């Protein structure tokens, strides 16, 4: 790498930076305590930990759905605010449920974010076709949600999130309600999309295997209050394929993360 390129790389702002963030709701208990984490552009960070440790709260803070109580949260080097989150296109959120409007077609559901931004109809149709092609659902554009399987509904939800070409993708257990085979397939498809697009991801999951398969960094959180307990670097090469799940290095990482998670859960239980 040249000195110019190296200097440019050093000047790139983190995609997301938590600086000793504390979060509580009103006079309630502390949900997150002194949470610090820096995500570089292109990172895929999986968040695992006991229920109630603040994983989903972290996503809500990034999305601007709730303000930090203390500390600082920066997106792309700038302080995150609810106003910025509501007006910008750089961030998209995929929830646990697909949250599709049953009276709209697949294409119309995906087009909703574009309509809210008053995108011209011709451009809107083009972007919707591109997003549906990414998730393999272009042939079902005229279907209604009731005509889709659970996995297909989640693909529509992902297409709706990607239609604005976000820089940051937040996913809150999007595949948790699906059977194992469907989940594995969608994991592979999500990474294939990532190869074609450039975004930073925060992915909440209760599945250690899913966390290892998808991410380059796993954040293990402790609870009461939520803190960063440990981080695991996942050095498995991309692209990840079904063969990755047979790699001894993959299984070693699953074991390591499982043991850490079990130790944290045992502490909560006692």
Protein backbone atom coordinates (compact mmCIF):
# COMPACT_ATOMS: atom_id res chain seq x y z
CA UNK A 1 0.00 0.00 0.00
CA UNK A 2 1.29 3.44 -0.90
CA UNK A 3 1.80 6.10 1.75
CA UNK A 4 -1.04 8.11 0.17
CA UNK A 5 -3.45 5.18 0.32
CA UNK A 6 -2.37 4.38 3.85
CA UNK A 7 -2.95 7.97 4.90
CA UNK A 8 -6.40 7.96 3.28
CA UNK A 9 -7.36 4.75 5.07
CA UNK A 10 -6.34 6.25 8.40
CA UNK A 11 -8.53 9.29 7.73
CA UNK A 12 -11.71 7.25 7.20
CA UNK A 13 -14.14 7.82 10.07
CA UNK A 14 -15.53 4.81 11.93
CA UNK A 15 -18.96 3.76 10.68
CA UNK A 16 -20.24 3.62 14.27
CA UNK A 17 -18.53 4.62 17.50
CA UNK A 18 -19.90 4.15 21.01
CA UNK A 19 -18.00 6.16 23.60
CA UNK A 20 -18.79 5.08 27.18
CA UNK A 21 -22.50 5.03 26.36
CA UNK A 22 -25.01 4.69 29.17
CA UNK A 23 -28.70 4.07 28.56
CA UNK A 24 -31.61 4.10 30.94
CA UNK A 25 -35.29 4.81 30.38
CA UNK A 26 -36.49 7.58 32.66
CA UNK A 27 -35.78 6.76 36.29
CA UNK A 28 -35.49 3.04 35.52
CA UNK A 29 -32.41 0.84 35.90
CA UNK A 30 -29.32 1.23 33.73
CA UNK A 31 -29.77 -0.87 30.57
CA UNK A 32 -26.32 -0.19 29.11
CA UNK A 33 -23.32 0.86 31.14
CA UNK A 34 -20.04 2.36 29.87
CA UNK A 35 -20.44 0.66 26.50
CA UNK A 36 -17.59 1.44 24.10
CA UNK A 37 -17.18 -0.06 20.64
CA UNK A 38 -15.87 1.11 17.27
CA UNK A 39 -17.09 -0.38 13.99
CA UNK A 40 -15.08 0.24 10.84
CA UNK A 41 -16.82 0.62 7.46
CA UNK A 42 -17.62 -2.85 6.14
CA UNK A 43 -17.59 -4.60 9.51
CA UNK A 44 -20.22 -7.27 10.12
CA UNK A 45 -20.71 -7.27 13.90
CA UNK A 46 -22.84 -9.93 15.57
CA UNK A 47 -24.25 -9.16 19.02
CA UNK A 48 -24.91 -12.09 21.36
CA UNK A 49 -25.71 -12.22 25.06
CA UNK A 50 -28.41 -13.08 27.60
CA UNK A 51 -31.92 -11.72 27.20
CA UNK A 52 -32.11 -8.20 28.60
CA UNK A 53 -28.44 -7.36 28.08
CA UNK A 54 -29.26 -4.48 25.72
CA UNK A 55 -28.59 -5.95 22.27
CA UNK A 56 -31.75 -4.54 20.70
CA UNK A 57 -31.30 -1.31 22.65
CA UNK A 58 -27.95 -0.80 20.91
CA UNK A 59 -29.68 -1.02 17.53
CA UNK A 60 -32.35 1.45 18.62
CA UNK A 61 -29.65 3.91 19.70
CA UNK A 62 -27.88 3.62 16.35
CA UNK A 63 -31.18 4.06 14.51
CA UNK A 64 -32.01 7.19 16.47
CA UNK A 65 -35.15 5.61 17.93
CA UNK A 66 -33.92 6.44 21.42
CA UNK A 67 -31.25 8.88 22.68
CA UNK A 68 -28.22 7.92 24.76
CA UNK A 69 -28.44 8.88 28.43
CA UNK A 70 -24.72 9.59 28.79
CA UNK A 71 -21.59 9.20 26.72
CA UNK A 72 -21.53 9.71 22.95
CA UNK A 73 -22.64 7.84 19.85
CA UNK A 74 -21.16 8.83 16.48
CA UNK A 75 -22.16 7.67 13.00
CA UNK A 76 -19.56 8.35 10.33
CA UNK A 77 -17.77 10.68 12.72
CA UNK A 78 -20.85 12.78 13.44
CA UNK A 79 -23.04 12.71 16.55
CA UNK A 80 -26.12 10.54 16.04
CA UNK A 81 -29.45 12.34 16.43
CA UNK A 82 -33.08 11.24 15.90
CA UNK A 83 -33.48 13.98 13.28
CA UNK A 84 -30.53 12.71 11.28
CA UNK A 85 -31.81 9.14 11.40
CA UNK A 86 -35.29 10.11 10.18
CA UNK A 87 -34.10 12.16 7.22
CA UNK A 88 -31.04 10.23 6.02
CA UNK A 89 -30.79 7.30 3.64
CA UNK A 90 -27.61 5.88 5.14
CA UNK A 91 -29.33 3.55 7.61
CA UNK A 92 -31.85 0.71 7.31
CA UNK A 93 -33.44 -1.54 9.95
CA UNK A 94 -34.67 -5.13 9.60
CA UNK A 95 -36.87 -6.21 12.51
CA UNK A 96 -37.64 -9.63 13.99
CA UNK A 97 -40.92 -9.75 12.08
CA UNK A 98 -41.20 -8.83 8.38
CA UNK A 99 -43.87 -6.16 9.22
CA UNK A 100 -45.28 -6.22 5.68
CA UNK A 101 -48.55 -4.46 4.89
CA UNK A 102 -50.92 -7.30 3.90
CA UNK A 103 -52.98 -5.18 1.48
CA UNK A 104 -49.92 -4.22 -0.60
CA UNK A 105 -48.08 -6.36 -3.12
CA UNK A 106 -44.46 -7.38 -2.64
CA UNK A 107 -43.33 -4.59 -4.97
CA UNK A 108 -45.48 -2.00 -3.21
CA UNK A 109 -44.12 -3.03 0.21
CA UNK A 110 -40.55 -2.65 -1.01
CA UNK A 111 -41.39 0.73 -2.57
CA UNK A 112 -42.64 2.25 0.69
CA UNK A 113 -39.34 3.92 1.75
CA UNK A 114 -39.01 5.40 -1.74
CA UNK A 115 -42.55 6.80 -1.63
CA UNK A 116 -41.81 8.43 1.71
CA UNK A 117 -38.88 10.19 0.04
CA UNK A 118 -40.97 11.19 -2.98
CA UNK A 119 -38.79 9.25 -5.42
CA UNK A 120 -40.11 9.68 -9.00
CA UNK A 121 -42.22 6.68 -10.16
CA UNK A 122 -39.88 5.53 -12.95
CA UNK A 123 -36.85 5.61 -10.67
CA UNK A 124 -38.87 3.95 -7.90
CA UNK A 125 -39.84 1.04 -10.16
CA UNK A 126 -36.22 0.57 -11.24
CA UNK A 127 -34.94 0.53 -7.65
CA UNK A 128 -37.65 -1.91 -6.56
CA UNK A 129 -36.79 -4.30 -9.40
CA UNK A 130 -33.12 -4.15 -8.43
CA UNK A 131 -33.85 -4.80 -4.74
CA UNK A 132 -36.16 -7.73 -5.50
CA UNK A 133 -33.57 -9.20 -7.86
CA UNK A 134 -31.01 -9.05 -5.04
CA UNK A 135 -33.18 -11.28 -2.87
CA UNK A 136 -34.41 -13.49 -5.72
CA UNK A 137 -38.04 -12.38 -5.58
CA UNK A 138 -38.49 -10.40 -8.79
CA UNK A 139 -40.88 -13.08 -10.18
CA UNK A 140 -43.12 -12.60 -7.12
CA UNK A 141 -43.37 -8.81 -7.32
CA UNK A 142 -47.15 -8.95 -7.79
CA UNK A 143 -47.76 -11.43 -4.96
CA UNK A 144 -49.30 -10.46 -1.62
CA UNK A 145 -47.70 -11.35 1.73
CA UNK A 146 -50.29 -14.09 2.37
CA UNK A 147 -48.97 -15.90 -0.72
CA UNK A 148 -45.39 -16.06 0.59
CA UNK A 149 -43.51 -18.41 2.91
CA UNK A 150 -41.88 -17.13 6.08
CA UNK A 151 -38.48 -17.04 4.41
CA UNK A 152 -39.87 -15.17 1.40
CA UNK A 153 -41.52 -12.58 3.66
CA UNK A 154 -38.17 -11.95 5.34
CA UNK A 155 -36.54 -11.57 1.93
CA UNK A 156 -39.10 -8.86 1.13
CA UNK A 157 -38.25 -7.12 4.41
CA UNK A 158 -34.55 -7.22 3.51
CA UNK A 159 -35.28 -5.90 0.00
CA UNK A 160 -37.25 -3.02 1.53
CA UNK A 161 -34.27 -2.20 3.76
CA UNK A 162 -31.79 -2.35 0.87
CA UNK A 163 -33.84 -0.37 -1.66
CA UNK A 164 -32.25 2.87 -0.42
CA UNK A 165 -28.70 1.45 -0.71
CA UNK A 166 -27.90 2.08 2.98
CA UNK A 167 -24.39 2.38 4.36
CA UNK A 168 -25.45 0.82 7.65
CA UNK A 169 -27.76 -2.19 8.06
CA UNK A 170 -29.27 -3.08 11.44
CA UNK A 171 -30.79 -6.55 11.81
CA UNK A 172 -32.62 -7.60 14.98
CA UNK A 173 -32.93 -11.41 14.97
CA UNK A 174 -34.45 -11.39 11.47
CA UNK A 175 -34.21 -15.17 11.02
CA UNK A 176 -35.01 -16.24 14.58
CA UNK A 177 -38.50 -17.59 13.78
CA UNK A 178 -37.40 -19.63 10.75
CA UNK A 179 -36.45 -23.30 10.58
CA UNK A 180 -32.75 -24.14 10.56
CA UNK A 181 -32.47 -24.95 6.85
CA UNK A 182 -34.22 -21.74 5.81
CA UNK A 183 -32.10 -19.73 8.24
CA UNK A 184 -28.87 -21.22 6.89
CA UNK A 185 -29.91 -20.45 3.33
CA UNK A 186 -30.84 -16.87 4.17
CA UNK A 187 -27.52 -16.42 5.99
CA UNK A 188 -25.75 -17.42 2.79
CA UNK A 189 -27.96 -15.14 0.68
CA UNK A 190 -27.40 -12.19 3.00
CA UNK A 191 -23.63 -12.54 2.66
CA UNK A 192 -23.96 -12.90 -1.11
CA UNK A 193 -25.84 -9.57 -1.16
CA UNK A 194 -23.11 -8.06 0.99
CA UNK A 195 -20.56 -9.05 -1.65
CA UNK A 196 -22.49 -6.94 -4.19
CA UNK A 197 -23.27 -4.01 -1.93
CA UNK A 198 -21.14 -2.13 0.57
CA UNK A 199 -22.63 -1.74 4.02
CA UNK A 200 -21.69 -2.12 7.66
CA UNK A 201 -23.92 -4.49 9.64
CA UNK A 202 -24.98 -4.94 13.25
CA UNK A 203 -26.77 -8.28 13.66
CA UNK A 204 -28.53 -9.37 16.86
CA UNK A 205 -28.92 -13.12 17.26
CA UNK A 206 -29.31 -15.83 19.89
CA UNK A 207 -27.60 -18.36 17.61
CA UNK A 208 -23.87 -18.65 18.16
CA UNK A 209 -23.47 -20.64 14.94
CA UNK A 210 -25.22 -17.89 12.99
CA UNK A 211 -23.02 -15.24 14.60
CA UNK A 212 -19.85 -17.09 13.61
CA UNK A 213 -21.03 -17.79 10.07
CA UNK A 214 -22.00 -14.19 9.28
CA UNK A 215 -19.65 -11.89 11.12
CA UNK A 216 -16.04 -10.81 11.21
CA UNK A 217 -16.50 -9.67 14.84
CA UNK A 218 -18.67 -11.11 17.61
CA UNK A 219 -19.51 -8.93 20.61
CA UNK A 220 -20.46 -10.99 23.68
CA UNK A 221 -22.49 -8.91 26.13
CA UNK A 222 -23.18 -9.36 29.82
CA UNK A 223 -26.36 -8.27 31.56
CA UNK A 224 -27.64 -6.29 34.55
CA UNK A 225 -26.52 -3.82 33.29
CA UNK A 226 -25.51 -4.52 29.69
CA UNK A 227 -21.78 -4.30 29.12
CA UNK A 228 -19.30 -5.48 26.50
CA UNK A 229 -17.98 -8.68 28.07
CA UNK A 230 -15.65 -9.90 25.32
CA UNK A 231 -15.04 -9.56 21.60
CA UNK A 232 -14.14 -12.47 19.32
CA UNK A 233 -12.47 -11.87 15.95
CA UNK A 234 -13.78 -14.22 13.26
CA UNK A 235 -10.94 -14.68 10.79
CA UNK A 236 -12.76 -17.13 8.51
CA UNK A 237 -12.39 -16.03 4.89
CA UNK A 238 -15.25 -14.61 2.86
CA UNK A 239 -17.23 -15.66 0.93
CA UNK A 240 -18.75 -18.02 3.48
CA UNK A 241 -20.40 -21.11 2.00
CA UNK A 242 -21.97 -24.34 3.29
CA UNK A 243 -18.42 -25.71 3.32
CA UNK A 244 -17.57 -23.10 5.97
CA UNK A 245 -19.82 -24.94 8.40
CA UNK A 246 -17.66 -28.04 8.01
CA UNK A 247 -14.39 -26.18 8.66
CA UNK A 248 -12.70 -27.14 11.97
CA UNK A 249 -11.84 -23.45 12.49
CA UNK A 250 -15.55 -22.61 12.28
CA UNK A 251 -16.40 -25.22 14.91
CA UNK A 252 -13.60 -24.00 17.16
CA UNK A 253 -15.03 -20.46 17.04
CA UNK A 254 -18.54 -21.75 17.74
CA UNK A 255 -17.18 -23.59 20.79
CA UNK A 256 -15.28 -20.51 21.99
CA UNK A 257 -18.28 -18.21 21.64
CA UNK A 258 -20.62 -20.79 23.21
CA UNK A 259 -18.40 -21.14 26.27
CA UNK A 260 -18.19 -17.37 26.71
CA UNK A 261 -21.94 -17.02 26.35
CA UNK A 262 -22.56 -19.85 28.80
CA UNK A 263 -20.28 -18.25 31.38
CA UNK A 264 -22.15 -14.96 31.05
CA UNK A 265 -25.54 -16.65 31.32
CA UNK A 266 -24.39 -18.61 34.39
CA UNK A 267 -23.41 -15.33 36.03
CA UNK A 268 -26.86 -13.87 35.32
CA UNK A 269 -28.55 -17.01 36.68
CA UNK A 270 -26.68 -16.75 39.97
